[in-house]
Amino acid sequence: MRPPKFVSMFLLTTTLATLAIQTSAAPAPVPAETEPEAVGQWFLDPEAGTANYDFSLRISLKKGHESWSSRDVTLDQLEGLTEEQVKGRSVPVAFQVKRDAGTVVARGSITRGKGAGTFELTLDPAFASELQRRGVGRPTHLQHLQLLVGDVSLGFLDELRALRYPTPDVELLIRCVHHGVDHRFVSGLNGLGVRLDSIEQLIKARDHGVDPRFIRGMQEAGYRDLEFEQLLRARDHGADPEYVAWMRRLGFAPLPIEELIRARDHGVDPEYVRGMESAGFRRLPLEHLVKARDHGVDGEFVASMQGAGYPDLTLEQAIRARDHGVDARFAERARRRLGEKPTLEELIRIRDGGGWPD
């Protein structure tokens, strides 16, 4: 679930401290037909470059536990709130947000698009009955509150059914809320031609960052037919669209996904490749770079050996030297002891025989 954007503590403190004064001046929201089921705090932030707003709710549902929800909304979804109020300065406001599970009735203040205050929740019993009719089950009072705060809609259930996902029970629907699996996420995957095997896989994908943006990037990079587990592995191991672009800029042709993941796992990244190139090893095949990286041979090591008097070191020689503990410091000490530059093989023989104490 995307973390909510917090308004400044100054704004929040001011809002909560002056609510009692502002209530008489604020327009009254549509009265709720029943007593509020719960109360909490709301926050509003404008989305940069759009006409949308980030509307966040925070509610304490039980001791030591808070539930957060953050949604992009348009102004017309905040009933009773006008554009003039949103653009004003320290304007007392009252508005409501109707959802399938119930209604959010909010009071507070807004300053130039940023707002905060308190809200009350009223549950809609028809929603619980409809969930039971659809085979989801009847939520408890606490679960109903979580579904309302998480903005779970009947349309979301319709979409899951249309995409042939099994009907979730209440607990699984609550997990969807907690993990950020919602209409936008599911429809985003579907728009890319991706349908997973279960709602549990949807949750796992969301948790691992396999979201529409990542999948679209991989598809545009040429990886259009990846299995779910391949997408997870690529994401978990950092073989993402940015890494693909780096590798191509460095001259590597498109790689099978497992080779790409292997290269990433072994630390063959742009910094490493550029370091090796600066030491004279240009256009090395990927498997050579992986081998060198595994043996601890990088551009810094090669350059130091070159500076110690071994300018024509091959990659295999560099790997052999590294494996036997021969570095520039040891080579320079050997030269001082012997009075001449030893060959690389002589250095290895001396090192294998115990060398000289530091």
Protein backbone atom coordinates (compact mmCIF):
# COMPACT_ATOMS: atom_id res chain seq x y z
CA MET A 1 0.00 0.00 0.00
CA ARG A 2 1.38 3.35 -0.91
CA PRO A 3 2.31 5.31 2.27
CA PRO A 4 0.14 8.38 2.90
CA LYS A 5 1.61 11.81 2.47
CA PHE A 6 1.66 13.63 5.79
CA VAL A 7 0.74 17.23 6.09
CA SER A 8 2.93 19.35 8.30
CA MET A 9 2.64 18.93 12.03
CA PHE A 10 1.96 22.63 12.29
CA LEU A 11 -1.10 22.31 10.11
CA LEU A 12 -2.32 19.23 11.93
CA THR A 13 -1.83 20.77 15.37
CA THR A 14 -3.56 23.98 14.34
CA THR A 15 -6.44 22.08 12.80
CA LEU A 16 -7.13 19.83 15.74
CA ALA A 17 -6.75 22.65 18.26
CA THR A 18 -9.22 24.93 16.50
CA LEU A 19 -11.86 22.46 15.36
CA ALA A 20 -14.20 23.45 18.16
CA ILE A 21 -14.00 27.09 17.13
CA GLN A 22 -14.39 26.34 13.44
CA THR A 23 -17.36 24.01 13.78
CA SER A 24 -19.83 26.88 14.05
CA ALA A 25 -18.41 28.46 10.89
CA ALA A 26 -18.09 25.27 8.80
CA PRO A 27 -20.89 24.20 6.49
CA ALA A 28 -22.72 21.21 7.92
CA PRO A 29 -22.29 17.91 6.09
CA VAL A 30 -25.25 15.76 5.22
CA PRO A 31 -26.43 14.32 8.56
CA ALA A 32 -25.69 10.64 9.01
CA GLU A 33 -28.75 8.43 9.49
CA THR A 34 -27.07 6.48 12.29
CA GLU A 35 -24.54 7.18 15.00
CA PRO A 36 -20.88 7.10 13.85
CA GLU A 37 -19.20 3.72 14.23
CA ALA A 38 -15.66 5.10 14.62
CA VAL A 39 -13.60 8.28 14.41
CA GLY A 40 -10.15 9.12 13.11
CA GLN A 41 -8.03 11.71 11.30
CA TRP A 42 -7.97 12.67 7.64
CA PHE A 43 -5.29 14.37 5.53
CA LEU A 44 -5.47 15.98 2.10
CA ASP A 45 -2.56 16.78 -0.21
CA PRO A 46 -2.60 17.96 -3.82
CA GLU A 47 -0.99 15.64 -6.37
CA ALA A 48 1.73 17.61 -8.17
CA GLY A 49 0.98 18.21 -11.84
CA THR A 50 -2.56 16.84 -11.69
CA ALA A 51 -6.03 17.91 -10.61
CA ASN A 52 -6.16 15.01 -8.15
CA TYR A 53 -5.68 14.95 -4.40
CA ASP A 54 -4.24 12.34 -2.07
CA PHE A 55 -6.89 11.64 0.57
CA SER A 56 -5.63 9.68 3.57
CA LEU A 57 -7.41 8.25 6.57
CA ARG A 58 -5.93 7.11 9.86
CA ILE A 59 -7.97 5.28 12.44
CA SER A 60 -7.17 3.39 15.63
CA LEU A 61 -9.08 0.12 15.38
CA LYS A 62 -7.72 -1.64 18.45
CA LYS A 63 -5.08 -1.13 21.12
CA GLY A 64 -1.67 -0.59 19.60
CA HIS A 65 -2.95 -0.90 16.02
CA GLU A 66 -3.70 1.78 13.47
CA SER A 67 -5.14 1.42 10.00
CA TRP A 68 -4.07 3.72 7.17
CA SER A 69 -5.57 4.22 3.77
CA SER A 70 -4.49 6.58 1.01
CA ARG A 71 -6.39 7.16 -2.23
CA ASP A 72 -6.14 9.52 -5.17
CA VAL A 73 -9.43 11.38 -5.45
CA THR A 74 -10.93 14.15 -7.54
CA LEU A 75 -12.66 17.12 -5.95
CA ASP A 76 -16.12 15.91 -6.94
CA GLN A 77 -15.62 12.80 -4.79
CA LEU A 78 -15.38 15.01 -1.70
CA GLU A 79 -19.03 16.02 -1.44
CA GLY A 80 -19.50 19.45 0.08
CA LEU A 81 -15.98 20.68 -0.71
CA THR A 82 -15.59 23.42 -3.31
CA GLU A 83 -12.63 24.55 -5.39
CA GLU A 84 -12.74 27.95 -3.67
CA GLN A 85 -12.41 26.29 -0.26
CA VAL A 86 -9.52 24.12 -1.42
CA LYS A 87 -7.64 27.14 -2.77
CA GLY A 88 -8.38 29.30 0.25
CA ARG A 89 -6.28 29.98 3.32
CA SER A 90 -7.21 28.41 6.68
CA VAL A 91 -10.73 27.65 5.50
CA PRO A 92 -12.96 25.57 7.80
CA VAL A 93 -14.53 22.73 5.84
CA ALA A 94 -16.98 19.88 6.22
CA PHE A 95 -17.52 17.22 3.58
CA GLN A 96 -18.32 13.56 3.12
CA VAL A 97 -17.08 10.66 1.04
CA LYS A 98 -19.57 7.93 0.16
CA ARG A 99 -18.21 4.44 -0.35
CA ASP A 100 -19.85 1.08 -0.84
CA ALA A 101 -19.06 0.03 2.72
CA GLY A 102 -20.31 3.27 4.31
CA THR A 103 -19.72 6.98 4.60
CA VAL A 104 -16.83 9.13 5.80
CA VAL A 105 -18.00 12.44 7.32
CA ALA A 106 -15.07 14.84 7.72
CA ARG A 107 -14.46 18.20 9.41
CA GLY A 108 -11.30 20.30 9.58
CA SER A 109 -9.55 23.04 7.66
CA ILE A 110 -7.66 23.47 4.41
CA THR A 111 -4.87 25.86 3.48
CA ARG A 112 -4.03 26.12 -0.22
CA GLY A 113 -4.83 22.53 -1.04
CA LYS A 114 -3.43 20.94 2.11
CA GLY A 115 -5.89 19.92 4.76
CA ALA A 116 -6.39 17.89 7.93
CA GLY A 117 -9.03 17.20 10.50
CA THR A 118 -11.17 14.48 12.05
CA PHE A 119 -13.75 12.17 10.57
CA GLU A 120 -16.58 9.86 11.61
CA LEU A 121 -17.49 6.58 9.93
CA THR A 122 -20.99 5.26 9.39
CA LEU A 123 -21.25 1.69 8.13
CA ASP A 124 -23.75 0.57 5.51
CA PRO A 125 -25.34 -2.73 6.62
CA ALA A 126 -26.41 -3.43 3.02
CA PHE A 127 -22.71 -3.82 2.11
CA ALA A 128 -22.20 -6.59 4.67
CA SER A 129 -25.32 -8.35 3.43
CA GLU A 130 -24.13 -8.12 -0.17
CA LEU A 131 -20.74 -9.61 0.74
CA GLN A 132 -22.53 -12.52 2.37
CA ARG A 133 -24.80 -12.98 -0.66
CA ARG A 134 -21.77 -13.10 -2.97
CA GLY A 135 -20.09 -15.84 -0.95
CA VAL A 136 -17.45 -13.61 0.65
CA GLY A 137 -18.99 -13.91 4.10
CA ARG A 138 -20.38 -11.39 6.56
CA PRO A 139 -17.64 -9.16 8.02
CA THR A 140 -17.37 -8.48 11.72
CA HIS A 141 -17.75 -4.91 12.89
CA LEU A 142 -13.97 -4.44 12.91
CA GLN A 143 -13.59 -6.00 9.47
CA HIS A 144 -16.34 -3.79 8.08
CA LEU A 145 -14.50 -0.73 9.38
CA GLN A 146 -11.28 -1.90 7.71
CA LEU A 147 -13.07 -2.47 4.42
CA LEU A 148 -14.57 1.02 4.59
CA VAL A 149 -11.26 2.70 5.41
CA GLY A 150 -9.58 0.65 2.66
CA ASP A 151 -12.28 1.65 0.15
CA VAL A 152 -13.08 -1.91 -0.89
CA SER A 153 -15.87 -1.72 -3.46
CA LEU A 154 -18.28 -4.20 -4.94
CA GLY A 155 -16.81 -3.20 -8.29
CA PHE A 156 -13.47 -4.65 -7.16
CA LEU A 157 -15.17 -7.97 -6.49
CA ASP A 158 -16.87 -7.76 -9.89
CA GLU A 159 -13.47 -7.27 -11.52
CA LEU A 160 -11.94 -10.23 -9.71
CA ARG A 161 -14.82 -12.41 -10.84
CA ALA A 162 -14.59 -11.13 -14.43
CA LEU A 163 -10.89 -12.05 -14.47
CA ARG A 164 -11.72 -15.52 -13.10
CA TYR A 165 -10.07 -15.10 -9.73
CA PRO A 166 -11.64 -17.20 -6.96
CA THR A 167 -14.04 -15.34 -4.70
CA PRO A 168 -12.07 -14.19 -1.63
CA ASP A 169 -13.38 -14.65 1.88
CA VAL A 170 -13.46 -11.70 4.27
CA GLU A 171 -10.02 -12.41 5.71
CA LEU A 172 -8.44 -12.51 2.25
CA LEU A 173 -10.23 -9.32 1.29
CA ILE A 174 -8.79 -7.66 4.41
CA ARG A 175 -5.33 -8.88 3.39
CA CYS A 176 -5.86 -7.22 0.02
CA VAL A 177 -6.53 -3.96 1.86
CA HIS A 178 -3.40 -4.28 3.99
CA HIS A 179 -1.15 -5.16 1.05
CA GLY A 180 -2.47 -2.61 -1.44
CA VAL A 181 -4.16 -5.02 -3.84
CA ASP A 182 -7.01 -2.95 -5.21
CA HIS A 183 -8.89 -2.20 -8.40
CA ARG A 184 -6.08 -0.05 -9.80
CA PHE A 185 -3.45 -2.73 -9.21
CA VAL A 186 -5.49 -5.60 -10.68
CA SER A 187 -6.74 -3.64 -13.70
CA GLY A 188 -3.18 -2.37 -14.29
CA LEU A 189 -1.89 -5.93 -14.51
CA ASN A 190 -4.79 -6.97 -16.71
CA GLY A 191 -4.12 -4.07 -19.08
CA LEU A 192 -0.62 -5.49 -19.60
CA GLY A 193 -1.95 -8.95 -20.32
CA VAL A 194 -0.93 -10.32 -16.93
CA ARG A 195 -3.29 -12.58 -15.01
CA LEU A 196 -1.94 -14.43 -12.01
CA ASP A 197 -3.16 -17.76 -10.67
CA SER A 198 -4.64 -16.56 -7.39
CA ILE A 199 -5.32 -13.61 -5.16
CA GLU A 200 -2.45 -14.84 -2.97
CA GLN A 201 -0.16 -14.36 -5.96
CA LEU A 202 -1.55 -10.85 -6.43
CA ILE A 203 -0.61 -10.08 -2.82
CA LYS A 204 2.84 -11.61 -3.26
CA ALA A 205 3.40 -9.62 -6.44
CA ARG A 206 2.41 -6.40 -4.69
CA ASP A 207 4.66 -7.15 -1.72
CA HIS A 208 7.66 -7.75 -4.00
CA GLY A 209 7.12 -4.66 -6.14
CA VAL A 210 5.98 -6.57 -9.22
CA ASP A 211 3.50 -3.88 -10.14
CA PRO A 212 2.24 -2.54 -13.48
CA ARG A 213 5.06 -0.02 -13.72
CA PHE A 214 7.74 -2.70 -13.27
CA ILE A 215 6.08 -5.14 -15.68
CA ARG A 216 5.56 -2.45 -18.31
CA GLY A 217 9.22 -1.48 -18.06
CA MET A 218 10.33 -5.09 -18.48
CA GLN A 219 8.02 -5.56 -21.44
CA GLU A 220 9.34 -2.43 -23.11
CA ALA A 221 12.87 -3.76 -22.50
CA GLY A 222 11.96 -6.89 -24.47
CA TYR A 223 10.90 -9.26 -21.69
CA ARG A 224 7.28 -9.82 -22.66
CA ASP A 225 6.64 -13.46 -21.81
CA LEU A 226 8.09 -13.85 -18.33
CA GLU A 227 6.48 -16.25 -15.89
CA PHE A 228 5.37 -14.98 -12.50
CA GLU A 229 8.33 -16.56 -10.68
CA GLN A 230 10.74 -15.01 -13.21
CA LEU A 231 9.23 -11.59 -12.60
CA LEU A 232 9.63 -12.08 -8.85
CA ARG A 233 13.24 -13.20 -9.20
CA ALA A 234 14.10 -10.33 -11.50
CA ARG A 235 12.55 -7.81 -9.11
CA ASP A 236 14.07 -9.34 -5.98
CA HIS A 237 17.56 -9.50 -7.52
CA GLY A 238 17.55 -5.99 -8.96
CA ALA A 239 17.38 -7.05 -12.61
CA ASP A 240 14.96 -4.26 -13.43
CA PRO A 241 14.37 -2.08 -16.51
CA GLU A 242 17.01 0.39 -15.37
CA TYR A 243 19.61 -2.37 -15.11
CA VAL A 244 18.64 -3.68 -18.56
CA ALA A 245 19.11 -0.19 -20.01
CA TRP A 246 22.53 0.14 -18.33
CA MET A 247 23.73 -3.15 -19.73
CA ARG A 248 22.63 -2.24 -23.22
CA ARG A 249 24.35 1.13 -23.04
CA LEU A 250 27.50 -0.74 -22.07
CA GLY A 251 27.23 -2.75 -25.29
CA PHE A 252 25.65 -5.97 -24.10
CA ALA A 253 23.05 -7.51 -26.38
CA PRO A 254 19.67 -8.46 -24.89
CA LEU A 255 20.24 -11.30 -22.41
CA PRO A 256 18.00 -14.17 -21.37
CA ILE A 257 16.40 -13.23 -18.07
CA GLU A 258 18.33 -15.85 -16.07
CA GLU A 259 21.65 -14.54 -17.41
CA LEU A 260 20.59 -11.02 -16.56
CA ILE A 261 19.72 -12.06 -13.00
CA ARG A 262 23.01 -13.96 -12.67
CA ALA A 263 25.02 -10.94 -13.80
CA ARG A 264 23.19 -8.74 -11.30
CA ASP A 265 23.66 -11.27 -8.50
CA HIS A 266 27.40 -11.41 -9.12
CA GLY A 267 27.79 -7.64 -8.95
CA VAL A 268 28.38 -6.97 -12.63
CA ASP A 269 26.96 -3.47 -12.68
CA PRO A 270 27.86 -0.34 -14.66
CA GLU A 271 30.34 0.85 -12.04
CA TYR A 272 32.18 -2.47 -12.11
CA VAL A 273 32.23 -2.64 -15.94
CA ARG A 274 33.51 0.94 -16.25
CA GLY A 275 36.23 0.21 -13.71
CA MET A 276 37.43 -2.78 -15.70
CA GLU A 277 37.34 -0.76 -18.92
CA SER A 278 39.41 2.01 -17.36
CA ALA A 279 42.00 -0.65 -16.47
CA GLY A 280 42.17 -1.72 -20.11
CA PHE A 281 39.71 -4.61 -20.18
CA ARG A 282 37.17 -3.44 -22.73
CA ARG A 283 34.33 -5.36 -24.31
CA LEU A 284 34.83 -8.42 -22.16
CA PRO A 285 32.20 -11.16 -22.59
CA LEU A 286 29.72 -11.24 -19.75
CA GLU A 287 30.88 -14.64 -18.50
CA HIS A 288 34.45 -13.28 -18.18
CA LEU A 289 33.21 -10.33 -16.16
CA VAL A 290 31.21 -12.62 -13.89
CA LYS A 291 34.25 -14.84 -13.33
CA ALA A 292 36.52 -11.87 -12.62
CA ARG A 293 33.98 -10.40 -10.20
CA ASP A 294 33.64 -13.73 -8.38
CA HIS A 295 37.41 -13.88 -7.89
CA GLY A 296 37.63 -10.33 -6.54
CA VAL A 297 39.28 -8.83 -9.61
CA ASP A 298 38.04 -5.30 -10.26
CA GLY A 299 39.39 -2.22 -11.94
CA GLU A 300 41.08 -0.99 -8.78
CA PHE A 301 42.98 -4.27 -8.29
CA VAL A 302 44.13 -4.39 -11.92
CA ALA A 303 45.22 -0.74 -11.89
CA SER A 304 47.21 -1.24 -8.69
CA MET A 305 49.04 -4.25 -10.19
CA GLN A 306 49.76 -2.24 -13.32
CA GLY A 307 51.19 0.51 -11.14
CA ALA A 308 53.36 -2.06 -9.36
CA GLY A 309 55.07 -2.88 -12.63
CA TYR A 310 52.78 -5.38 -14.36
CA PRO A 311 51.16 -3.29 -17.13
CA ASP A 312 50.43 -6.21 -19.47
CA LEU A 313 48.55 -8.35 -17.02
CA THR A 314 45.94 -10.55 -18.71
CA LEU A 315 42.59 -11.21 -17.12
CA GLU A 316 43.53 -14.82 -16.33
CA GLN A 317 46.80 -13.65 -14.75
CA ALA A 318 44.92 -11.09 -12.67
CA ILE A 319 42.53 -13.79 -11.47
CA ARG A 320 45.41 -16.16 -10.67
CA ALA A 321 47.26 -13.45 -8.75
CA ARG A 322 44.13 -12.58 -6.76
CA ASP A 323 43.42 -16.23 -5.96
CA HIS A 324 46.93 -16.67 -4.54
CA GLY A 325 46.87 -13.48 -2.46
CA VAL A 326 49.29 -11.56 -4.67
CA ASP A 327 48.46 -7.87 -4.75
CA ALA A 328 50.35 -4.65 -5.50
CA ARG A 329 51.56 -4.27 -1.94
CA PHE A 330 53.06 -7.77 -1.90
CA ALA A 331 54.62 -7.26 -5.36
CA GLU A 332 56.35 -4.03 -4.25
CA ARG A 333 57.64 -5.66 -1.05
CA ALA A 334 59.02 -8.59 -3.05
CA ARG A 335 60.83 -6.22 -5.40
CA ARG A 336 62.46 -4.45 -2.46
CA ARG A 337 63.55 -7.75 -0.91
CA LEU A 338 64.89 -9.24 -4.16
CA GLY A 339 66.34 -6.06 -5.61
CA GLU A 340 64.56 -6.69 -8.90
CA LYS A 341 61.06 -7.18 -10.23
CA PRO A 342 60.00 -10.83 -9.94
CA THR A 343 57.71 -12.41 -12.48
CA LEU A 344 54.11 -13.03 -11.58
CA GLU A 345 54.77 -16.77 -11.27
CA GLU A 346 57.68 -16.07 -8.91
CA LEU A 347 55.39 -13.88 -6.81
CA ILE A 348 52.81 -16.65 -6.63
CA ARG A 349 55.46 -19.22 -5.68
CA ILE A 350 56.80 -16.97 -2.91
CA ARG A 351 53.28 -16.25 -1.64
CA ASP A 352 52.31 -19.93 -1.67
CA GLY A 353 55.46 -20.74 0.26
CA GLY A 354 54.54 -18.41 3.05
CA GLY A 355 55.94 -15.17 1.66
CA TRP A 356 57.38 -12.63 4.04
CA PRO A 357 55.79 -11.28 7.20
CA ASP A 358 54.24 -7.86 6.78
